[in-house]
PDB file of N, CA and C in Angstrom:
ATOM      1  N   UNK A   1     -13.456  16.580   0.610  1.00  0.00           N
ATOM      2  CA  UNK A   1     -14.129  15.141   0.924  1.00  0.00           C
ATOM      3  C   UNK A   1     -13.621  14.155  -0.387  1.00  0.00           C
ATOM      4  N   UNK A   2     -13.858  15.497  -1.576  1.00  0.00           N
ATOM      5  CA  UNK A   2     -13.476  14.260  -3.142  1.00  0.00           C
ATOM      6  C   UNK A   2     -11.569  14.005  -3.230  1.00  0.00           C
ATOM      7  N   UNK A   3     -11.210  14.864  -2.653  1.00  0.00           N
ATOM      8  CA  UNK A   3      -9.601  15.087  -1.979  1.00  0.00           C
ATOM      9  C   UNK A   3      -9.140  13.229  -1.068  1.00  0.00           C
ATOM     10  N   UNK A   4      -9.763  13.204  -0.517  1.00  0.00           N
ATOM     11  CA  UNK A   4     -10.208  11.607   0.152  1.00  0.00           C
ATOM     12  C   UNK A   4     -10.555  10.720  -0.790  1.00  0.00           C
ATOM     13  N   UNK A   5     -11.385  10.945  -1.574  1.00  0.00           N
ATOM     14  CA  UNK A   5     -12.061  10.043  -2.337  1.00  0.00           C
ATOM     15  C   UNK A   5     -10.624   9.781  -3.828  1.00  0.00           C
ATOM     16  N   UNK A   6     -10.286  10.975  -4.104  1.00  0.00           N
ATOM     17  CA  UNK A   6      -8.735  10.227  -5.063  1.00  0.00           C
ATOM     18  C   UNK A   6      -7.892   9.346  -4.485  1.00  0.00           C
ATOM     19  N   UNK A   7      -7.438  10.185  -3.132  1.00  0.00           N
ATOM     20  CA  UNK A   7      -6.516   9.515  -2.665  1.00  0.00           C
ATOM     21  C   UNK A   7      -7.227   7.855  -2.446  1.00  0.00           C
ATOM     22  N   UNK A   8      -7.920   7.614  -2.191  1.00  0.00           N
ATOM     23  CA  UNK A   8      -8.290   6.274  -1.915  1.00  0.00           C
ATOM     24  C   UNK A   8      -8.224   5.571  -3.277  1.00  0.00           C
ATOM     25  N   UNK A   9      -8.807   6.171  -4.188  1.00  0.00           N
ATOM     26  CA  UNK A   9      -8.900   5.389  -5.074  1.00  0.00           C
ATOM     27  C   UNK A   9      -7.614   5.367  -6.348  1.00  0.00           C
ATOM     28  N   UNK A  10      -6.448   6.435  -5.487  1.00  0.00           N
ATOM     29  CA  UNK A  10      -4.876   5.759  -5.889  1.00  0.00           C
ATOM     30  C   UNK A  10      -4.985   4.586  -5.318  1.00  0.00           C
ATOM     31  N   UNK A  11      -4.659   4.933  -3.834  1.00  0.00           N
ATOM     32  CA  UNK A  11      -4.366   3.696  -2.798  1.00  0.00           C
ATOM     33  C   UNK A  11      -5.130   2.505  -3.723  1.00  0.00           C
ATOM     34  N   UNK A  12      -6.401   1.992  -3.877  1.00  0.00           N
ATOM     35  CA  UNK A  12      -6.519   0.755  -4.537  1.00  0.00           C
ATOM     36  C   UNK A  12      -5.780   0.461  -6.294  1.00  0.00           C
ATOM     37  N   UNK A  13      -5.830   1.596  -6.814  1.00  0.00           N
ATOM     38  CA  UNK A  13      -4.915   1.084  -8.370  1.00  0.00           C
ATOM     39  C   UNK A  13      -3.426   1.013  -7.499  1.00  0.00           C
ATOM     40  N   UNK A  14      -2.630   1.684  -6.782  1.00  0.00           N
ATOM     41  CA  UNK A  14      -1.364   1.075  -6.683  1.00  0.00           C
ATOM     42  C   UNK A  14      -1.736  -0.433  -6.290  1.00  0.00           C
ATOM     43  N   UNK A  15      -2.393  -0.710  -5.430  1.00  0.00           N
ATOM     44  CA  UNK A  15      -2.542  -1.913  -4.561  1.00  0.00           C
ATOM     45  C   UNK A  15      -3.061  -3.554  -5.677  1.00  0.00           C
ATOM     46  N   UNK A  16      -3.670  -2.791  -6.616  1.00  0.00           N
ATOM     47  CA  UNK A  16      -4.475  -3.536  -7.641  1.00  0.00           C
ATOM     48  C   UNK A  16      -2.900  -4.149  -8.473  1.00  0.00           C
ATOM     49  N   UNK A  17      -2.225  -2.979  -8.857  1.00  0.00           N
ATOM     50  CA  UNK A  17      -1.099  -3.020  -9.954  1.00  0.00           C
ATOM     51  C   UNK A  17      -0.306  -3.631  -9.016  1.00  0.00           C
ATOM     52  N   UNK A  18       0.435  -4.071  -7.661  1.00  0.00           N
ATOM     53  CA  UNK A  18       1.177  -4.734  -7.212  1.00  0.00           C
ATOM     54  C   UNK A  18       0.471  -5.795  -6.856  1.00  0.00           C
ATOM     55  N   UNK A  19      -0.361  -6.478  -6.818  1.00  0.00           N
ATOM     56  CA  UNK A  19      -1.246  -7.681  -6.615  1.00  0.00           C
ATOM     57  C   UNK A  19      -0.749  -8.480  -8.035  1.00  0.00           C
ATOM     58  N   UNK A  20      -1.384  -7.693  -8.992  1.00  0.00           N
ATOM     59  CA  UNK A  20      -1.187  -8.112 -10.607  1.00  0.00           C
ATOM     60  C   UNK A  20       0.045  -8.624 -10.505  1.00  0.00           C
ATOM     61  N   UNK A  21       1.247  -7.566 -10.197  1.00  0.00           N
ATOM     62  CA  UNK A  21       2.842  -7.436 -10.823  1.00  0.00           C
ATOM     63  C   UNK A  21       3.250  -9.195  -9.873  1.00  0.00           C
ATOM     64  N   UNK A  22       2.635  -9.111  -8.767  1.00  0.00           N
ATOM     65  CA  UNK A  22       2.883 -10.364  -7.797  1.00  0.00           C
ATOM     66  C   UNK A  22       2.634 -11.643  -8.592  1.00  0.00           C
ATOM     67  N   UNK A  23       1.466 -11.330  -9.011  1.00  0.00           N
ATOM     68  CA  UNK A  23       0.499 -12.926  -9.694  1.00  0.00           C
ATOM     69  C   UNK A  23       0.835 -13.684 -11.111  1.00  0.00           C
ATOM     70  N   UNK A  24       1.637 -11.842 -11.526  1.00  0.00           N
ATOM     71  CA  UNK A  24       2.785 -12.436 -12.944  1.00  0.00           C
ATOM     72  C   UNK A  24       3.822 -13.509 -12.830  1.00  0.00           C
ATOM     73  N   UNK A  25       4.366 -12.435 -11.863  1.00  0.00           N
ATOM     74  CA  UNK A  25       5.594 -13.012 -11.109  1.00  0.00           C
ATOM     75  C   UNK A  25       5.190 -14.501 -10.348  1.00  0.00           C
ATOM     76  N   UNK A  26       4.128 -14.963 -10.007  1.00  0.00           N
ATOM     77  CA  UNK A  26       4.216 -16.322  -9.727  1.00  0.00           C
ATOM     78  C   UNK A  26       4.057 -17.319 -10.646  1.00  0.00           C
ATOM     79  N   UNK A  27       3.399 -16.737 -11.471  1.00  0.00           N
ATOM     80  CA  UNK A  27       2.927 -17.614 -13.005  1.00  0.00           C
ATOM     81  C   UNK A  27       4.325 -17.855 -13.688  1.00  0.00           C
ATOM     82  N   UNK A  28       5.028 -16.857 -13.744  1.00  0.00           N
ATOM     83  CA  UNK A  28       5.904 -16.772 -14.322  1.00  0.00           C
ATOM     84  C   UNK A  28       7.355 -18.006 -13.870  1.00  0.00           C
ATOM     85  N   UNK A  29       6.966 -18.177 -12.542  1.00  0.00           N
ATOM     86  CA  UNK A  29       8.237 -18.792 -12.154  1.00  0.00           C
ATOM     87  C   UNK A  29       7.482 -20.077 -11.896  1.00  0.00           C
ATOM     88  N   UNK A  30       6.068 -20.115 -12.034  1.00  0.00           N
ATOM     89  CA  UNK A  30       5.502 -21.789 -12.298  1.00  0.00           C
ATOM     90  C   UNK A  30       5.846 -22.306 -13.479  1.00  0.00           C
ATOM     91  N   UNK A  31       5.738 -21.365 -14.692  1.00  0.00           N
ATOM     92  CA  UNK A  31       6.188 -22.145 -15.688  1.00  0.00           C
ATOM     93  C   UNK A  31       7.496 -21.724 -15.963  1.00  0.00           C
ATOM     94  N   UNK A  32       8.762 -21.890 -15.234  1.00  0.00           N
ATOM     95  CA  UNK A  32       9.908 -21.696 -15.041  1.00  0.00           C
ATOM     96  C   UNK A  32       9.727 -23.093 -14.789  1.00  0.00           C
ATOM     97  N   UNK A  33       9.103 -23.239 -13.514  1.00  0.00           N
ATOM     98  CA  UNK A  33       9.647 -24.634 -13.060  1.00  0.00           C
ATOM     99  C   UNK A  33       8.960 -25.749 -13.665  1.00  0.00           C
ATOM    100  N   UNK A  34       8.031 -25.625 -14.381  1.00  0.00           N
ATOM    101  CA  UNK A  34       7.402 -26.780 -15.200  1.00  0.00           C
ATOM    102  C   UNK A  34       8.706 -27.030 -16.352  1.00  0.00           C
ATOM    103  N   UNK A  35       8.920 -26.197 -17.053  1.00  0.00           N
ATOM    104  CA  UNK A  35       9.675 -26.615 -18.077  1.00  0.00           C
ATOM    105  C   UNK A  35      10.984 -27.371 -17.401  1.00  0.00           C
ATOM    106  N   UNK A  36      11.841 -26.907 -16.392  1.00  0.00           N
ATOM    107  CA  UNK A  36      12.544 -27.710 -15.987  1.00  0.00           C
ATOM    108  C   UNK A  36      11.996 -29.154 -15.605  1.00  0.00           C
ATOM    109  N   UNK A  37      10.925 -29.112 -15.091  1.00  0.00           N
ATOM    110  CA  UNK A  37      10.341 -30.977 -14.912  1.00  0.00           C
ATOM    111  C   UNK A  37      10.224 -31.064 -16.008  1.00  0.00           C
ATOM    112  N   UNK A  38      10.024 -30.439 -17.129  1.00  0.00           N
ATOM    113  CA  UNK A  38      10.190 -31.387 -18.175  1.00  0.00           C
ATOM    114  C   UNK A  38      11.167 -31.973 -18.601  1.00  0.00           C
ATOM    115  N   UNK A  39      12.130 -30.434 -18.769  1.00  0.00           N
ATOM    116  CA  UNK A  39      13.268 -31.176 -18.940  1.00  0.00           C
ATOM    117  C   UNK A  39      14.126 -31.956 -18.428  1.00  0.00           C
ATOM    118  N   UNK A  40      13.861 -32.192 -17.434  1.00  0.00           N
ATOM    119  CA  UNK A  40      14.452 -33.142 -16.421  1.00  0.00           C
ATOM    120  C   UNK A  40      14.017 -34.571 -16.787  1.00  0.00           C
ATOM    121  N   UNK A  41      12.072 -34.547 -16.849  1.00  0.00           N
ATOM    122  CA  UNK A  41      12.385 -35.667 -17.129  1.00  0.00           C
ATOM    123  C   UNK A  41      12.541 -36.309 -18.678  1.00  0.00           C
ATOM    124  N   UNK A  42      12.837 -35.865 -19.670  1.00  0.00           N
ATOM    125  CA  UNK A  42      13.355 -35.724 -20.999  1.00  0.00           C
ATOM    126  C   UNK A  42      14.553 -36.339 -20.907  1.00  0.00           C
ATOM    127  N   UNK A  43      15.184 -36.213 -20.367  1.00  0.00           N
ATOM    128  CA  UNK A  43      16.888 -36.428 -19.618  1.00  0.00           C
ATOM    129  C   UNK A  43      17.187 -37.853 -18.978  1.00  0.00           C
ATOM    130  N   UNK A  44      15.832 -38.073 -18.146  1.00  0.00           N
ATOM    131  CA  UNK A  44      15.336 -39.630 -17.658  1.00  0.00           C
ATOM    132  C   UNK A  44      15.233 -40.113 -18.969  1.00  0.00           C
ATOM    133  N   UNK A  45      14.725 -39.887 -19.741  1.00  0.00           N
ATOM    134  CA  UNK A  45      14.165 -40.973 -20.892  1.00  0.00           C
ATOM    135  C   UNK A  45      15.184 -41.241 -21.536  1.00  0.00           C
ATOM    136  N   UNK A  46      16.143 -40.127 -21.921  1.00  0.00           N
ATOM    137  CA  UNK A  46      17.050 -40.136 -23.123  1.00  0.00           C
ATOM    138  C   UNK A  46      18.652 -40.774 -21.976  1.00  0.00           C
TER     139      UNK A  46
END
């Protein structure tokens, strides 16, 4: 029984790590997109 609980805990930990990594990646790409958009706007102004 304890072995099963341990396995479940490990699975949950792996899952949360994966989700966090994905969220960080999405946040990073959003920041990049924002920077590119700002850069293009600046180019339009000048």
